[in-house]
């Protein structure tokens, strides 16, 4: 059986393991443990640390990487949530659309807006084929009202 006698190689392989596991597990957390393991390996190449020191350095670096860098790196890789919310508002108030399935409160109906069918609700009954005004959009649900 081959034994890894150099701790730096062990920490490099632990880091690679964390990076591979990050691809399989959602949450973007294991990446930072892998980064901490690689930084610990770098430290092992420079300093002759004991096993306890290595574990302590790994623990501290893991926490620093996780809490210090996660927000920054997550924005770079995943994007800024505020921008996504701004982009998700497709239908602004005042726009017109056509009812394609009768809306009978409190049940939902359906409207066609910008070439796409949307679930729709209203405070009043609206028959299929009527042109209505969009009041607001919340995710995939559009609130409409009859034209004045």
N, C-alpha and C. Protein backbone atom coordinates (compact mmCIF):
# COMPACT_ATOMS: atom_id res chain seq x y z
N UNK A 1 0.84 -1.18 0.00
CA UNK A 1 0.00 0.00 0.00
C UNK A 1 0.89 1.24 0.00
N UNK A 2 0.58 2.17 -0.89
CA UNK A 2 1.37 3.39 -0.98
C UNK A 2 0.89 4.40 0.06
N UNK A 3 1.83 5.03 0.70
CA UNK A 3 1.49 5.97 1.76
C UNK A 3 1.91 7.37 1.34
N UNK A 4 1.02 8.34 1.52
CA UNK A 4 1.37 9.74 1.23
C UNK A 4 2.07 10.28 2.47
N UNK A 5 3.36 10.53 2.31
CA UNK A 5 4.13 10.99 3.47
C UNK A 5 4.24 12.50 3.51
N UNK A 6 3.99 13.16 2.38
CA UNK A 6 4.10 14.60 2.39
C UNK A 6 2.72 15.22 2.58
N UNK A 7 2.52 16.02 3.64
CA UNK A 7 1.18 16.55 3.94
C UNK A 7 0.64 17.49 2.87
N UNK A 8 1.52 18.17 2.15
CA UNK A 8 1.05 19.07 1.10
C UNK A 8 0.28 18.35 0.02
N UNK A 9 0.75 17.15 -0.35
CA UNK A 9 0.04 16.35 -1.36
C UNK A 9 -1.31 15.89 -0.85
N UNK A 10 -1.35 15.57 0.43
CA UNK A 10 -2.62 15.15 1.03
C UNK A 10 -3.64 16.30 0.96
N UNK A 11 -3.20 17.51 1.31
CA UNK A 11 -4.11 18.65 1.29
C UNK A 11 -4.53 19.01 -0.14
N UNK A 12 -3.61 18.85 -1.10
CA UNK A 12 -3.99 19.08 -2.50
C UNK A 12 -5.06 18.09 -2.94
N UNK A 13 -4.91 16.82 -2.58
CA UNK A 13 -5.92 15.82 -2.97
C UNK A 13 -7.24 16.05 -2.25
N UNK A 14 -7.19 16.50 -1.00
CA UNK A 14 -8.43 16.85 -0.29
C UNK A 14 -9.12 18.01 -0.99
N UNK A 15 -8.34 19.00 -1.42
CA UNK A 15 -8.90 20.14 -2.14
C UNK A 15 -9.57 19.72 -3.44
N UNK A 16 -8.91 18.85 -4.19
CA UNK A 16 -9.49 18.35 -5.44
C UNK A 16 -10.80 17.62 -5.15
N UNK A 17 -10.82 16.84 -4.09
CA UNK A 17 -12.04 16.12 -3.70
C UNK A 17 -13.18 17.09 -3.41
N UNK A 18 -12.88 18.16 -2.69
CA UNK A 18 -13.91 19.16 -2.41
C UNK A 18 -14.41 19.82 -3.69
N UNK A 19 -13.50 20.12 -4.63
CA UNK A 19 -13.91 20.75 -5.89
C UNK A 19 -14.80 19.81 -6.70
N UNK A 20 -14.47 18.54 -6.73
CA UNK A 20 -15.30 17.57 -7.46
C UNK A 20 -16.67 17.43 -6.80
N UNK A 21 -16.68 17.36 -5.47
CA UNK A 21 -17.96 17.26 -4.75
C UNK A 21 -18.82 18.52 -4.95
N UNK A 22 -18.19 19.67 -5.11
CA UNK A 22 -18.94 20.92 -5.32
C UNK A 22 -19.79 20.83 -6.58
N UNK A 23 -19.29 20.12 -7.58
CA UNK A 23 -20.06 19.99 -8.83
C UNK A 23 -21.30 19.13 -8.64
N UNK A 24 -21.28 18.25 -7.64
CA UNK A 24 -22.41 17.34 -7.42
C UNK A 24 -23.39 17.84 -6.37
N UNK A 25 -22.93 18.73 -5.49
CA UNK A 25 -23.76 19.19 -4.37
C UNK A 25 -24.06 20.68 -4.56
N UNK A 26 -25.32 21.09 -4.55
CA UNK A 26 -25.63 22.51 -4.69
C UNK A 26 -25.31 23.29 -3.42
N UNK A 27 -25.15 24.57 -3.57
CA UNK A 27 -24.97 25.43 -2.40
C UNK A 27 -23.73 26.29 -2.43
N UNK A 28 -22.76 25.95 -3.27
CA UNK A 28 -21.54 26.74 -3.42
C UNK A 28 -20.83 26.95 -2.09
N UNK A 29 -20.63 25.86 -1.35
CA UNK A 29 -19.95 25.89 -0.06
C UNK A 29 -18.66 25.08 -0.11
N UNK A 30 -18.71 23.90 -0.70
CA UNK A 30 -17.54 23.01 -0.72
C UNK A 30 -16.37 23.62 -1.48
N UNK A 31 -16.65 24.51 -2.41
CA UNK A 31 -15.59 25.21 -3.14
C UNK A 31 -14.62 25.89 -2.19
N UNK A 32 -15.15 26.51 -1.15
CA UNK A 32 -14.31 27.26 -0.22
C UNK A 32 -13.50 26.34 0.69
N UNK A 33 -14.02 25.15 0.99
CA UNK A 33 -13.23 24.17 1.72
C UNK A 33 -12.08 23.66 0.84
N UNK A 34 -12.35 23.50 -0.45
CA UNK A 34 -11.29 23.11 -1.38
C UNK A 34 -10.22 24.17 -1.49
N UNK A 35 -10.65 25.42 -1.55
CA UNK A 35 -9.70 26.54 -1.59
C UNK A 35 -8.86 26.58 -0.32
N UNK A 36 -9.49 26.38 0.81
CA UNK A 36 -8.76 26.37 2.09
C UNK A 36 -7.78 25.20 2.14
N UNK A 37 -8.17 24.05 1.59
CA UNK A 37 -7.26 22.90 1.57
C UNK A 37 -6.04 23.19 0.69
N UNK A 38 -6.25 23.85 -0.44
CA UNK A 38 -5.13 24.20 -1.31
C UNK A 38 -4.21 25.23 -0.66
N UNK A 39 -4.81 26.20 0.04
CA UNK A 39 -3.98 27.18 0.75
C UNK A 39 -3.21 26.52 1.89
N UNK A 40 -3.81 25.55 2.54
CA UNK A 40 -3.12 24.79 3.59
C UNK A 40 -1.97 24.00 2.97
N UNK A 41 -2.18 23.43 1.79
CA UNK A 41 -1.11 22.70 1.10
C UNK A 41 0.05 23.64 0.78
N UNK A 42 -0.27 24.84 0.33
CA UNK A 42 0.77 25.84 0.06
C UNK A 42 1.55 26.15 1.34
N UNK A 43 0.84 26.30 2.44
CA UNK A 43 1.50 26.54 3.72
C UNK A 43 2.39 25.39 4.14
N UNK A 44 1.96 24.16 3.83
CA UNK A 44 2.77 22.98 4.17
C UNK A 44 4.06 22.94 3.36
N UNK A 45 4.04 23.46 2.13
CA UNK A 45 5.25 23.51 1.33
C UNK A 45 6.24 24.53 1.90
N UNK A 46 5.72 25.60 2.50
CA UNK A 46 6.57 26.68 3.01
C UNK A 46 7.02 26.42 4.44
N UNK A 47 6.10 25.97 5.29
CA UNK A 47 6.39 25.80 6.72
C UNK A 47 6.27 24.33 7.13
N UNK A 48 7.12 23.89 8.06
CA UNK A 48 7.02 22.50 8.55
C UNK A 48 6.01 22.40 9.70
N UNK A 49 4.72 22.40 9.34
CA UNK A 49 3.66 22.40 10.35
C UNK A 49 3.38 20.99 10.88
N UNK A 50 2.96 20.94 12.13
CA UNK A 50 2.49 19.68 12.70
C UNK A 50 1.06 19.42 12.20
N UNK A 51 0.57 18.23 12.43
CA UNK A 51 -0.79 17.87 11.99
C UNK A 51 -1.82 18.78 12.67
N UNK A 52 -1.65 19.06 13.95
CA UNK A 52 -2.59 19.93 14.66
C UNK A 52 -2.58 21.34 14.08
N UNK A 53 -1.41 21.85 13.75
CA UNK A 53 -1.31 23.18 13.14
C UNK A 53 -1.99 23.18 11.77
N UNK A 54 -1.77 22.13 11.00
CA UNK A 54 -2.39 22.03 9.68
C UNK A 54 -3.92 22.05 9.79
N UNK A 55 -4.44 21.28 10.72
CA UNK A 55 -5.90 21.24 10.91
C UNK A 55 -6.42 22.60 11.37
N UNK A 56 -5.69 23.26 12.26
CA UNK A 56 -6.10 24.59 12.73
C UNK A 56 -6.08 25.61 11.60
N UNK A 57 -5.01 25.58 10.79
CA UNK A 57 -4.92 26.49 9.64
C UNK A 57 -6.05 26.21 8.66
N UNK A 58 -6.31 24.94 8.40
CA UNK A 58 -7.40 24.58 7.49
C UNK A 58 -8.74 25.09 8.01
N UNK A 59 -8.99 24.92 9.30
CA UNK A 59 -10.25 25.37 9.90
C UNK A 59 -10.40 26.88 9.78
N UNK A 60 -9.35 27.61 10.13
CA UNK A 60 -9.42 29.08 10.06
C UNK A 60 -9.57 29.55 8.62
N UNK A 61 -8.78 28.98 7.71
CA UNK A 61 -8.90 29.37 6.30
C UNK A 61 -10.26 29.02 5.73
N UNK A 62 -10.83 27.89 6.13
CA UNK A 62 -12.17 27.51 5.67
C UNK A 62 -13.20 28.55 6.07
N UNK A 63 -13.16 28.96 7.32
CA UNK A 63 -14.12 29.95 7.81
C UNK A 63 -13.91 31.30 7.14
N UNK A 64 -12.64 31.71 6.99
CA UNK A 64 -12.35 33.00 6.34
C UNK A 64 -12.82 32.97 4.89
N UNK A 65 -12.50 31.90 4.17
CA UNK A 65 -12.93 31.79 2.78
C UNK A 65 -14.45 31.73 2.66
N UNK A 66 -15.07 30.94 3.51
CA UNK A 66 -16.52 30.75 3.43
C UNK A 66 -17.27 32.05 3.71
N UNK A 67 -16.94 32.69 4.83
CA UNK A 67 -17.69 33.88 5.21
C UNK A 67 -17.16 35.16 4.57
N UNK A 68 -15.88 35.18 4.23
CA UNK A 68 -15.30 36.39 3.66
C UNK A 68 -15.44 36.49 2.16
N UNK A 69 -15.40 35.37 1.47
CA UNK A 69 -15.40 35.40 0.01
C UNK A 69 -16.68 34.89 -0.64
N UNK A 70 -17.51 34.18 0.09
CA UNK A 70 -18.68 33.53 -0.52
C UNK A 70 -19.60 34.54 -1.21
N UNK A 71 -19.91 35.64 -0.53
CA UNK A 71 -20.80 36.64 -1.13
C UNK A 71 -20.23 37.24 -2.40
N UNK A 72 -18.93 37.52 -2.38
CA UNK A 72 -18.28 38.14 -3.54
C UNK A 72 -18.24 37.16 -4.71
N UNK A 73 -17.78 35.95 -4.45
CA UNK A 73 -17.64 34.96 -5.51
C UNK A 73 -19.00 34.51 -6.03
N UNK A 74 -19.98 34.41 -5.16
CA UNK A 74 -21.32 34.00 -5.57
C UNK A 74 -21.92 35.01 -6.56
N UNK A 75 -21.68 36.30 -6.31
CA UNK A 75 -22.18 37.32 -7.24
C UNK A 75 -21.53 37.18 -8.61
N UNK A 76 -20.24 36.85 -8.63
CA UNK A 76 -19.53 36.71 -9.89
C UNK A 76 -20.04 35.50 -10.68
N UNK A 77 -20.20 34.35 -10.01
CA UNK A 77 -20.59 33.13 -10.71
C UNK A 77 -22.09 33.01 -10.93
N UNK A 78 -22.89 33.46 -9.98
CA UNK A 78 -24.33 33.26 -10.06
C UNK A 78 -25.04 34.52 -10.54
N UNK A 79 -24.53 35.68 -10.24
CA UNK A 79 -25.14 36.93 -10.64
C UNK A 79 -25.80 37.61 -9.47
N UNK A 80 -26.13 38.87 -9.69
CA UNK A 80 -26.74 39.68 -8.65
C UNK A 80 -28.25 39.47 -8.68
N UNK A 81 -28.82 39.04 -7.58
CA UNK A 81 -30.25 38.73 -7.51
C UNK A 81 -31.10 39.96 -7.81
N UNK A 82 -30.64 41.14 -7.43
CA UNK A 82 -31.41 42.35 -7.69
C UNK A 82 -31.62 42.55 -9.18
N UNK A 83 -30.59 42.27 -9.99
CA UNK A 83 -30.73 42.40 -11.43
C UNK A 83 -31.71 41.38 -11.98
N UNK A 84 -31.71 40.17 -11.45
CA UNK A 84 -32.65 39.15 -11.90
C UNK A 84 -34.08 39.57 -11.61
N UNK A 85 -34.31 40.16 -10.44
CA UNK A 85 -35.65 40.59 -10.09
C UNK A 85 -36.11 41.71 -11.03
N UNK A 86 -35.22 42.61 -11.38
CA UNK A 86 -35.57 43.69 -12.28
C UNK A 86 -35.90 43.14 -13.66
N UNK A 87 -35.16 42.13 -14.12
CA UNK A 87 -35.40 41.54 -15.43
C UNK A 87 -36.68 40.72 -15.46
N UNK A 88 -37.13 40.20 -14.31
CA UNK A 88 -38.30 39.34 -14.30
C UNK A 88 -39.61 40.11 -14.44
N UNK A 89 -39.56 41.41 -14.30
CA UNK A 89 -40.78 42.22 -14.45
C UNK A 89 -40.98 42.47 -15.94
N UNK A 90 -41.73 41.59 -16.56
CA UNK A 90 -41.94 41.68 -18.00
C UNK A 90 -43.12 42.58 -18.34
N UNK A 91 -44.15 42.50 -17.54
CA UNK A 91 -45.37 43.23 -17.82
C UNK A 91 -45.51 44.37 -16.82
N UNK A 92 -45.39 45.58 -17.31
CA UNK A 92 -45.57 46.71 -16.40
C UNK A 92 -47.03 47.15 -16.46
N UNK A 93 -47.45 47.82 -15.42
CA UNK A 93 -48.84 48.26 -15.34
C UNK A 93 -49.22 49.16 -16.50
N UNK A 94 -50.45 49.04 -16.95
CA UNK A 94 -50.96 49.89 -18.02
C UNK A 94 -50.91 49.26 -19.40
N UNK A 95 -50.20 48.17 -19.56
CA UNK A 95 -50.11 47.52 -20.86
C UNK A 95 -51.39 46.73 -21.13
N UNK A 96 -51.68 46.49 -22.40
CA UNK A 96 -52.90 45.79 -22.80
C UNK A 96 -52.60 44.35 -23.17
N UNK A 97 -53.57 43.47 -22.92
CA UNK A 97 -53.46 42.07 -23.32
C UNK A 97 -54.87 41.54 -23.58
N UNK A 98 -54.95 40.33 -24.12
CA UNK A 98 -56.24 39.72 -24.48
C UNK A 98 -56.50 38.52 -23.58
N UNK A 99 -57.72 38.44 -23.05
CA UNK A 99 -58.11 37.30 -22.22
C UNK A 99 -58.36 36.11 -23.14
N UNK A 100 -57.70 34.98 -22.86
CA UNK A 100 -57.86 33.78 -23.69
C UNK A 100 -58.66 32.70 -22.98
N UNK A 101 -58.79 32.79 -21.67
CA UNK A 101 -59.63 31.87 -20.89
C UNK A 101 -60.35 32.72 -19.86
N UNK A 102 -61.67 32.60 -19.81
CA UNK A 102 -62.50 33.44 -18.94
C UNK A 102 -61.97 33.48 -17.51
N UNK A 103 -61.95 34.70 -16.96
CA UNK A 103 -61.52 34.89 -15.57
C UNK A 103 -62.77 35.06 -14.73
N UNK A 104 -62.98 34.14 -13.77
CA UNK A 104 -64.12 34.22 -12.86
C UNK A 104 -63.57 34.19 -11.44
N UNK A 105 -63.49 35.36 -10.78
CA UNK A 105 -62.90 35.41 -9.43
C UNK A 105 -63.64 34.47 -8.49
N UNK A 106 -62.96 33.80 -7.61
CA UNK A 106 -61.53 33.91 -7.31
C UNK A 106 -60.65 33.01 -8.18
N UNK A 107 -61.25 32.31 -9.15
CA UNK A 107 -60.48 31.41 -10.00
C UNK A 107 -59.62 32.19 -11.00
N UNK A 108 -58.56 31.55 -11.42
CA UNK A 108 -57.67 32.17 -12.40
C UNK A 108 -58.19 31.93 -13.80
N UNK A 109 -57.80 32.82 -14.69
CA UNK A 109 -58.05 32.65 -16.10
C UNK A 109 -56.72 32.68 -16.82
N UNK A 110 -56.77 33.12 -18.09
CA UNK A 110 -55.54 33.17 -18.86
C UNK A 110 -55.59 34.35 -19.81
N UNK A 111 -54.43 35.00 -19.98
CA UNK A 111 -54.32 36.10 -20.93
C UNK A 111 -53.14 35.83 -21.84
N UNK A 112 -53.17 36.50 -23.01
CA UNK A 112 -52.03 36.43 -23.92
C UNK A 112 -51.38 37.80 -23.93
N UNK A 113 -50.09 37.81 -23.54
CA UNK A 113 -49.34 39.06 -23.50
C UNK A 113 -47.98 38.82 -24.14
N UNK A 114 -47.60 39.66 -25.07
CA UNK A 114 -46.30 39.59 -25.74
C UNK A 114 -46.07 38.20 -26.34
N UNK A 115 -47.12 37.60 -26.91
CA UNK A 115 -47.00 36.32 -27.57
C UNK A 115 -46.94 35.11 -26.65
N UNK A 116 -47.14 35.34 -25.34
CA UNK A 116 -47.06 34.25 -24.37
C UNK A 116 -48.33 34.20 -23.54
N UNK A 117 -48.74 33.00 -23.16
CA UNK A 117 -49.93 32.83 -22.32
C UNK A 117 -49.52 32.89 -20.85
N UNK A 118 -50.29 33.67 -20.08
CA UNK A 118 -50.01 33.88 -18.66
C UNK A 118 -51.25 33.55 -17.83
N UNK A 119 -51.02 33.05 -16.60
CA UNK A 119 -52.12 32.91 -15.66
C UNK A 119 -52.53 34.31 -15.26
N UNK A 120 -53.84 34.51 -15.09
CA UNK A 120 -54.33 35.85 -14.78
C UNK A 120 -55.45 35.81 -13.75
N UNK A 121 -55.52 36.86 -12.94
CA UNK A 121 -56.60 37.03 -11.97
C UNK A 121 -57.14 38.44 -12.11
N UNK A 122 -58.36 38.61 -11.59
CA UNK A 122 -59.00 39.92 -11.62
C UNK A 122 -60.00 40.01 -10.49
N UNK A 123 -60.40 41.22 -10.15
CA UNK A 123 -61.42 41.44 -9.12
C UNK A 123 -62.82 41.25 -9.68
N UNK A 124 -62.94 41.21 -11.01
CA UNK A 124 -64.24 41.09 -11.66
C UNK A 124 -64.18 40.01 -12.73
N UNK A 125 -65.34 39.49 -13.10
CA UNK A 125 -65.41 38.46 -14.14
C UNK A 125 -65.12 39.10 -15.50
N UNK A 126 -64.28 38.43 -16.28
CA UNK A 126 -63.93 38.94 -17.61
C UNK A 126 -64.01 37.77 -18.58
N UNK A 127 -64.75 37.98 -19.68
CA UNK A 127 -64.97 36.93 -20.67
C UNK A 127 -63.77 36.80 -21.62
N UNK A 128 -63.65 35.62 -22.18
CA UNK A 128 -62.59 35.35 -23.15
C UNK A 128 -62.76 36.25 -24.37
N UNK A 129 -61.66 36.76 -24.90
CA UNK A 129 -61.69 37.63 -26.07
C UNK A 129 -61.64 39.11 -25.74
N UNK A 130 -61.90 39.49 -24.48
CA UNK A 130 -61.87 40.90 -24.11
C UNK A 130 -60.43 41.40 -23.98
N UNK A 131 -60.24 42.66 -24.34
CA UNK A 131 -58.94 43.31 -24.14
C UNK A 131 -58.96 43.93 -22.75
N UNK A 132 -57.91 43.68 -21.99
CA UNK A 132 -57.83 44.16 -20.60
C UNK A 132 -56.52 44.90 -20.39
N UNK A 133 -56.46 45.57 -19.24
CA UNK A 133 -55.25 46.32 -18.87
C UNK A 133 -54.54 45.57 -17.74
N UNK A 134 -53.23 45.50 -17.84
CA UNK A 134 -52.43 44.85 -16.80
C UNK A 134 -52.26 45.80 -15.62
N UNK A 135 -52.59 45.31 -14.43
CA UNK A 135 -52.41 46.09 -13.21
C UNK A 135 -51.02 45.84 -12.63
N UNK A 136 -50.67 44.55 -12.51
CA UNK A 136 -49.34 44.18 -12.00
C UNK A 136 -49.01 42.75 -12.38
N UNK A 137 -47.73 42.43 -12.26
CA UNK A 137 -47.26 41.07 -12.48
C UNK A 137 -46.46 40.65 -11.26
N UNK A 138 -46.80 39.49 -10.71
CA UNK A 138 -46.03 38.89 -9.62
C UNK A 138 -45.61 37.52 -10.09
N UNK A 139 -44.33 37.38 -10.39
CA UNK A 139 -43.77 36.15 -10.93
C UNK A 139 -44.52 35.75 -12.18
N UNK A 140 -45.25 34.63 -12.18
CA UNK A 140 -45.93 34.16 -13.39
C UNK A 140 -47.42 34.44 -13.38
N UNK A 141 -47.87 35.32 -12.52
CA UNK A 141 -49.29 35.65 -12.40
C UNK A 141 -49.50 37.13 -12.69
N UNK A 142 -50.41 37.40 -13.62
CA UNK A 142 -50.72 38.79 -13.99
C UNK A 142 -52.09 39.15 -13.45
N UNK A 143 -52.17 40.31 -12.80
CA UNK A 143 -53.45 40.85 -12.34
C UNK A 143 -53.92 41.84 -13.40
N UNK A 144 -55.19 41.69 -13.83
CA UNK A 144 -55.73 42.54 -14.89
C UNK A 144 -57.04 43.18 -14.44
N UNK A 145 -57.45 44.20 -15.21
CA UNK A 145 -58.76 44.81 -14.99
C UNK A 145 -59.34 45.18 -16.35
N UNK A 146 -60.67 45.33 -16.38
CA UNK A 146 -61.33 45.73 -17.62
C UNK A 146 -60.91 47.14 -17.98
N UNK A 147 -60.92 47.42 -19.28
CA UNK A 147 -60.60 48.78 -19.73
C UNK A 147 -61.71 49.73 -19.30
N UNK A 148 -61.34 50.90 -18.90
CA UNK A 148 -62.34 51.89 -18.44
C UNK A 148 -63.10 52.47 -19.59
